[in-house]
Protein backbone atom coordinates (compact mmCIF):
# COMPACT_ATOMS: atom_id res chain seq x y z
CA UNK A 1 12.26 -14.79 20.72
CA UNK A 2 13.30 -11.25 21.64
CA UNK A 3 15.91 -11.12 18.93
CA UNK A 4 13.37 -12.49 16.44
CA UNK A 5 11.04 -9.60 17.29
CA UNK A 6 13.82 -7.11 16.66
CA UNK A 7 14.76 -8.78 13.38
CA UNK A 8 11.14 -8.69 12.18
CA UNK A 9 10.90 -5.01 13.19
CA UNK A 10 13.97 -4.25 11.08
CA UNK A 11 12.57 -6.25 8.15
CA UNK A 12 9.36 -4.19 8.40
CA UNK A 13 11.44 -1.03 8.00
CA UNK A 14 13.42 -2.53 5.11
CA UNK A 15 10.21 -3.43 3.26
CA UNK A 16 9.35 0.26 3.42
CA UNK A 17 12.74 1.60 2.35
CA UNK A 18 12.31 1.16 -1.43
CA UNK A 19 9.12 3.20 -1.27
CA UNK A 20 11.14 6.25 -0.21
CA UNK A 21 13.28 6.03 -3.31
CA UNK A 22 10.37 5.36 -5.61
CA UNK A 23 8.28 8.06 -3.89
CA UNK A 24 5.21 6.08 -4.96
CA UNK A 25 4.17 8.87 -7.32
CA UNK A 26 2.86 7.45 -10.56
CA UNK A 27 3.07 3.88 -9.39
CA UNK A 28 -0.02 1.86 -8.71
CA UNK A 29 -1.77 2.11 -5.40
CA UNK A 30 -1.85 -1.69 -5.23
CA UNK A 31 1.92 -1.79 -4.71
CA UNK A 32 1.74 0.87 -2.01
CA UNK A 33 -1.17 -0.78 -0.21
CA UNK A 34 0.33 -4.26 -0.43
CA UNK A 35 3.75 -3.24 0.88
CA UNK A 36 2.21 -1.03 3.56
CA UNK A 37 -0.06 -3.87 4.67
CA UNK A 38 2.92 -6.22 4.78
CA UNK A 39 4.84 -3.67 6.84
CA UNK A 40 2.00 -3.37 9.36
CA UNK A 41 1.70 -7.17 9.60
CA UNK A 42 5.44 -7.42 10.22
CA UNK A 43 5.19 -4.76 12.93
CA UNK A 44 2.45 -6.78 14.62
CA UNK A 45 4.46 -9.98 14.33
CA UNK A 46 7.50 -8.23 15.81
CA UNK A 47 5.39 -7.07 18.74
CA UNK A 48 4.01 -10.57 19.29
CA UNK A 49 7.44 -12.19 19.16
CA UNK A 50 8.91 -9.53 21.43
CA UNK A 51 6.17 -10.04 24.02
CA UNK A 52 6.68 -13.80 23.99
CA UNK A 53 10.45 -13.66 24.25
CA UNK A 54 12.76 -13.39 27.16
CA UNK A 55 14.42 -10.01 27.55
CA UNK A 56 18.12 -9.45 27.71
CA UNK A 57 19.27 -7.71 24.59
CA UNK A 58 21.36 -4.58 25.06
CA UNK A 59 20.59 -0.93 24.62
CA UNK A 60 21.53 -1.18 20.93
CA UNK A 61 18.00 -2.45 20.44
CA UNK A 62 16.84 1.14 20.89
CA UNK A 63 18.91 2.36 17.95
CA UNK A 64 17.34 -0.25 15.68
CA UNK A 65 13.87 0.63 16.95
CA UNK A 66 14.36 4.33 16.30
CA UNK A 67 15.58 3.57 12.77
CA UNK A 68 12.58 1.29 12.18
CA UNK A 69 10.25 3.96 13.55
CA UNK A 70 11.72 6.61 11.27
CA UNK A 71 11.76 4.57 8.06
CA UNK A 72 8.84 2.20 8.45
CA UNK A 73 6.05 4.67 9.15
CA UNK A 74 6.23 6.80 6.01
CA UNK A 75 4.72 4.43 3.47
CA UNK A 76 1.98 3.39 5.90
CA UNK A 77 1.14 7.07 6.42
CA UNK A 78 1.07 7.68 2.65
CA UNK A 79 -1.26 4.69 2.21
CA UNK A 80 -3.63 6.04 4.87
CA UNK A 81 -3.62 9.48 3.28
CA UNK A 82 -4.35 8.03 -0.16
CA UNK A 83 -7.16 5.90 1.19
CA UNK A 84 -8.70 8.91 2.92
CA UNK A 85 -8.62 11.22 -0.11
CA UNK A 86 -12.05 11.65 -1.66
CA UNK A 87 -11.69 13.05 -5.17
CA UNK A 88 -15.47 13.23 -5.59
CA UNK A 89 -15.98 15.55 -2.61
CA UNK A 90 -17.43 18.86 -3.88
CA UNK A 91 -14.59 20.76 -2.24
CA UNK A 92 -12.06 18.75 -4.26
CA UNK A 93 -13.88 19.05 -7.60
CA UNK A 94 -13.22 22.78 -7.84
CA UNK A 95 -9.50 22.29 -7.20
CA UNK A 96 -6.92 20.46 -9.27
CA UNK A 97 -7.11 16.71 -9.68
CA UNK A 98 -4.19 16.06 -7.34
CA UNK A 99 -4.41 15.45 -3.61
CA UNK A 100 -3.58 18.42 -1.39
CA UNK A 101 0.02 18.30 -0.28
CA UNK A 102 1.70 19.84 2.74
CA UNK A 103 5.25 20.55 1.57
CA UNK A 104 8.08 18.74 3.32
CA UNK A 105 5.72 16.22 4.88
CA UNK A 106 7.87 13.17 4.17
CA UNK A 107 10.96 14.66 5.82
CA UNK A 108 8.98 16.12 8.68
CA UNK A 109 7.45 12.68 9.23
CA UNK A 110 10.86 10.97 9.40
CA UNK A 111 12.10 13.52 11.93
CA UNK A 112 8.82 13.36 13.88
CA UNK A 113 8.94 9.55 14.19
CA UNK A 114 12.63 9.69 15.15
CA UNK A 115 11.94 12.25 17.87
CA UNK A 116 8.88 10.41 19.18
CA UNK A 117 10.60 7.02 19.42
CA UNK A 118 13.67 8.63 20.98
CA UNK A 119 11.73 10.51 23.65
CA UNK A 120 9.66 7.47 24.55
CA UNK A 121 12.72 5.22 24.78
CA UNK A 122 14.54 7.84 26.84
CA UNK A 123 11.74 7.66 29.38
CA UNK A 124 10.52 11.18 28.65
CA UNK A 125 6.96 10.77 27.30
CA UNK A 126 6.42 14.51 27.70
CA UNK A 127 8.71 14.86 24.69
CA UNK A 128 5.84 13.54 22.60
CA UNK A 129 3.84 16.66 23.48
CA UNK A 130 6.79 18.88 22.61
CA UNK A 131 7.24 17.23 19.20
CA UNK A 132 3.55 17.53 18.38
CA UNK A 133 3.39 21.14 19.58
CA UNK A 134 6.36 22.14 17.40
CA UNK A 135 4.83 20.36 14.41
CA UNK A 136 1.43 21.96 14.97
CA UNK A 137 2.88 25.45 15.34
CA UNK A 138 5.01 24.99 12.26
CA UNK A 139 2.02 23.97 10.15
CA UNK A 140 -0.53 26.33 11.72
CA UNK A 141 -0.61 28.81 8.83
CA UNK A 142 -1.19 26.04 6.26
CA UNK A 143 -4.00 24.25 8.09
CA UNK A 144 -6.68 26.60 6.73
CA UNK A 145 -6.19 25.25 3.20
CA UNK A 146 -8.78 22.89 1.79
CA UNK A 147 -8.23 19.41 3.22
CA UNK A 148 -4.93 20.31 4.87
CA UNK A 149 -6.14 19.96 8.47
CA UNK A 150 -7.56 16.50 7.85
CA UNK A 151 -4.40 15.34 6.11
CA UNK A 152 -2.30 16.82 8.92
CA UNK A 153 -4.29 14.96 11.58
CA UNK A 154 -4.34 11.64 9.70
CA UNK A 155 -0.65 11.84 8.88
CA UNK A 156 0.29 12.80 12.42
CA UNK A 157 -1.80 10.07 14.04
CA UNK A 158 -0.50 7.31 11.79
CA UNK A 159 3.06 8.51 12.20
CA UNK A 160 2.80 8.76 16.00
CA UNK A 161 1.17 5.34 16.28
CA UNK A 162 3.89 3.74 14.17
CA UNK A 163 6.72 5.34 16.15
CA UNK A 164 5.07 4.44 19.47
CA UNK A 165 4.63 0.83 18.37
CA UNK A 166 8.26 0.55 17.30
CA UNK A 167 9.39 2.02 20.65
CA UNK A 168 7.08 -0.36 22.50
CA UNK A 169 8.54 -3.35 20.70
CA UNK A 170 12.03 -2.20 21.68
CA UNK A 171 10.98 -1.99 25.32
CA UNK A 172 9.53 -5.51 25.14
CA UNK A 173 12.68 -6.84 23.45
CA UNK A 174 15.05 -5.20 25.89
């Protein structure tokens, strides 16, 4: 069952991969929400199968888990950010119709999830604090913008949770 958990984890990441190329701009939210929901369900199934299985797979499991952490979390984070955006909020009515965007967020998220999964799998959980501190300092000047702090927190939490879950599944599988 351990290998099945790893396979499902990789499938969860692959379900997300097309969303990076499509960038989900202009496409319906239903597609984003459906594929993101499927990805989360696959992550849960991978965790369940990994916890039921007997360990014994090699360290290569970690490489797959880091890749799944990096790729799989982006679309789920975008879905959470879209669900949280309130276009009718008075603060958003004065601004443009589009959601506030923190530039480079998609790439920062991929690197953040890669670093988080890597530090956790390396047995250095303190690395999580380092990654989040660097990200917070790098975005500090932009967090005063309307809605930016909330989007930063939501995006960071969903990204960290995804990467931590992928790393946890790898530990269970190994």
